[in-house]
C-alpha atoms as a PDB file:
ATOM      1  CA  HIS A   1      71.470 -23.730 292.304  1.00  0.00           C
ATOM      2  CA  ASP A   2      74.515 -25.469 291.127  1.00  0.00           C
ATOM      3  CA  PHE A   3      74.525 -29.144 291.632  1.00  0.00           C
ATOM      4  CA  GLY A   4      77.900 -29.951 290.145  1.00  0.00           C
ATOM      5  CA  SER A   5      78.741 -32.527 287.396  1.00  0.00           C
ATOM      6  CA  GLU A   6      78.995 -35.331 289.908  1.00  0.00           C
ATOM      7  CA  ARG A   7      75.246 -35.549 290.199  1.00  0.00           C
ATOM      8  CA  ARG A   8      73.735 -37.766 287.521  1.00  0.00           C
ATOM      9  CA  VAL A   9      70.052 -37.741 286.759  1.00  0.00           C
ATOM     10  CA  ILE A  10      68.295 -39.963 284.121  1.00  0.00           C
ATOM     11  CA  PHE A  11      65.289 -38.593 282.343  1.00  0.00           C
ATOM     12  CA  LYS A  12      62.937 -41.211 280.701  1.00  0.00           C
ATOM     13  CA  THR A  13      61.584 -40.302 277.327  1.00  0.00           C
ATOM     14  CA  LYS A  14      58.208 -41.209 275.809  1.00  0.00           C
ATOM     15  CA  LYS A  15      59.722 -43.903 273.565  1.00  0.00           C
ATOM     16  CA  GLY A  16      61.684 -45.485 276.400  1.00  0.00           C
ATOM     17  CA  GLY A  17      64.926 -43.780 275.898  1.00  0.00           C
ATOM     18  CA  GLU A  18      67.016 -42.091 278.574  1.00  0.00           C
ATOM     19  CA  TYR A  19      68.815 -38.751 278.759  1.00  0.00           C
ATOM     20  CA  ARG A  20      71.506 -38.144 281.434  1.00  0.00           C
ATOM     21  CA  ASP A  21      71.833 -34.840 283.118  1.00  0.00           C
ATOM     22  CA  SER A  22      74.312 -33.577 285.498  1.00  0.00           C
ATOM     23  CA  TYR A  23      72.273 -30.510 286.701  1.00  0.00           C
ATOM     24  CA  ILE A  24      69.160 -28.470 285.993  1.00  0.00           C
ATOM     25  CA  ARG A  25      69.239 -24.775 286.292  1.00  0.00           C
ATOM     26  CA  SER A  26      66.184 -23.097 284.853  1.00  0.00           C
ATOM     27  CA  HIS A  27      63.625 -22.745 282.081  1.00  0.00           C
ATOM     28  CA  LEU A  28      61.833 -26.020 282.674  1.00  0.00           C
ATOM     29  CA  HIS A  29      58.775 -25.091 280.692  1.00  0.00           C
ATOM     30  CA  TYR A  30      58.856 -27.351 277.521  1.00  0.00           C
ATOM     31  CA  GLU A  31      58.942 -24.418 275.357  1.00  0.00           C
ATOM     32  CA  ASP A  32      61.990 -22.820 276.990  1.00  0.00           C
ATOM     33  CA  ILE A  33      64.158 -25.836 277.938  1.00  0.00           C
ATOM     34  CA  ASP A  34      67.933 -25.158 277.813  1.00  0.00           C
ATOM     35  CA  MET A  35      68.985 -28.319 275.934  1.00  0.00           C
ATOM     36  CA  GLU A  36      72.565 -28.136 277.065  1.00  0.00           C
ATOM     37  CA  ASN A  37      71.373 -28.304 280.716  1.00  0.00           C
ATOM     38  CA  ILE A  38      68.967 -31.159 280.276  1.00  0.00           C
ATOM     39  CA  ALA A  39      71.175 -33.341 278.110  1.00  0.00           C
ATOM     40  CA  GLY A  40      74.335 -34.618 279.697  1.00  0.00           C
ATOM     41  CA  THR A  41      76.186 -35.752 276.549  1.00  0.00           C
ATOM     42  CA  ARG A  42      76.686 -34.317 273.099  1.00  0.00           C
ATOM     43  CA  ARG A  43      74.774 -37.336 271.551  1.00  0.00           C
ATOM     44  CA  ALA A  44      71.794 -36.892 273.866  1.00  0.00           C
ATOM     45  CA  TYR A  45      71.876 -33.220 273.185  1.00  0.00           C
ATOM     46  CA  ASP A  46      71.535 -33.794 269.475  1.00  0.00           C
ATOM     47  CA  GLU A  47      68.981 -36.483 269.804  1.00  0.00           C
ATOM     48  CA  LEU A  48      66.920 -34.364 272.200  1.00  0.00           C
ATOM     49  CA  LYS A  49      67.162 -31.319 270.046  1.00  0.00           C
ATOM     50  CA  LYS A  50      66.005 -33.352 266.923  1.00  0.00           C
ATOM     51  CA  LYS A  51      62.997 -34.758 268.827  1.00  0.00           C
ATOM     52  CA  ARG A  52      62.180 -31.318 269.992  1.00  0.00           C
ATOM     53  CA  GLU A  53      62.113 -29.941 266.611  1.00  0.00           C
ATOM     54  CA  GLN A  54      60.093 -32.986 265.324  1.00  0.00           C
ATOM     55  CA  ASN A  55      57.669 -33.160 268.207  1.00  0.00           C
ATOM     56  CA  ARG A  56      57.468 -30.641 271.032  1.00  0.00           C
ATOM     57  CA  GLU A  57      54.883 -32.852 272.798  1.00  0.00           C
ATOM     58  CA  ASN A  58      57.572 -35.395 273.392  1.00  0.00           C
ATOM     59  CA  VAL A  59      59.599 -32.823 275.348  1.00  0.00           C
ATOM     60  CA  LYS A  60      56.492 -31.806 277.193  1.00  0.00           C
ATOM     61  CA  TRP A  61      55.823 -35.369 278.136  1.00  0.00           C
ATOM     62  CA  MET A  62      59.428 -35.813 279.344  1.00  0.00           C
ATOM     63  CA  VAL A  63      59.185 -32.764 281.742  1.00  0.00           C
ATOM     64  CA  GLN A  64      55.798 -33.786 282.979  1.00  0.00           C
ATOM     65  CA  ASN A  65      56.812 -37.343 283.729  1.00  0.00           C
ATOM     66  CA  ASN A  66      60.113 -36.391 285.489  1.00  0.00           C
ATOM     67  CA  ARG A  67      58.580 -33.811 287.834  1.00  0.00           C
ATOM     68  CA  LYS A  68      59.488 -35.697 290.972  1.00  0.00           C
ATOM     69  CA  LYS A  69      63.045 -35.976 289.872  1.00  0.00           C
ATOM     70  CA  ILE A  70      63.124 -32.377 289.007  1.00  0.00           C
ATOM     71  CA  LEU A  71      61.526 -31.350 292.242  1.00  0.00           C
ATOM     72  CA  ASN A  72      64.298 -33.167 294.151  1.00  0.00           C
ATOM     73  CA  LEU A  73      66.790 -30.968 292.415  1.00  0.00           C
ATOM     74  CA  ILE A  74      65.300 -27.439 292.740  1.00  0.00           C
ATOM     75  CA  SER A  75      63.040 -25.767 295.177  1.00  0.00           C
ATOM     76  CA  ARG A  76      59.224 -26.266 294.777  1.00  0.00           C
ATOM     77  CA  ARG A  77      58.627 -22.565 294.447  1.00  0.00           C
ATOM     78  CA  ASN A  78      61.162 -22.079 291.644  1.00  0.00           C
ATOM     79  CA  TYR A  79      59.814 -25.249 289.945  1.00  0.00           C
ATOM     80  CA  MET A  80      56.254 -23.982 290.034  1.00  0.00           C
ATOM     81  CA  GLU A  81      57.310 -20.572 288.670  1.00  0.00           C
ATOM     82  CA  TYR A  82      58.865 -22.193 285.614  1.00  0.00           C
ATOM     83  CA  ILE A  83      56.237 -24.902 285.057  1.00  0.00           C
ATOM     84  CA  SER A  84      53.127 -22.827 285.456  1.00  0.00           C
END
């Protein structure tokens, strides 16, 4: 799926921060997140990359607590394939 850059999605993080994302394509399992897809800006990309290196559980939390938003973007079947 290609949702285009006009679609803005905000992901809440464990510490109350936000990451903006234009689209999500694949690899939503927290070990395999494509950082450039989930972070809409370079600054968010760098911060999320740093958080991921420091604490993978934070990224896992972010994915788990934004499942409804993710499900709105991609089909349930594809989502379950990547999450399970």
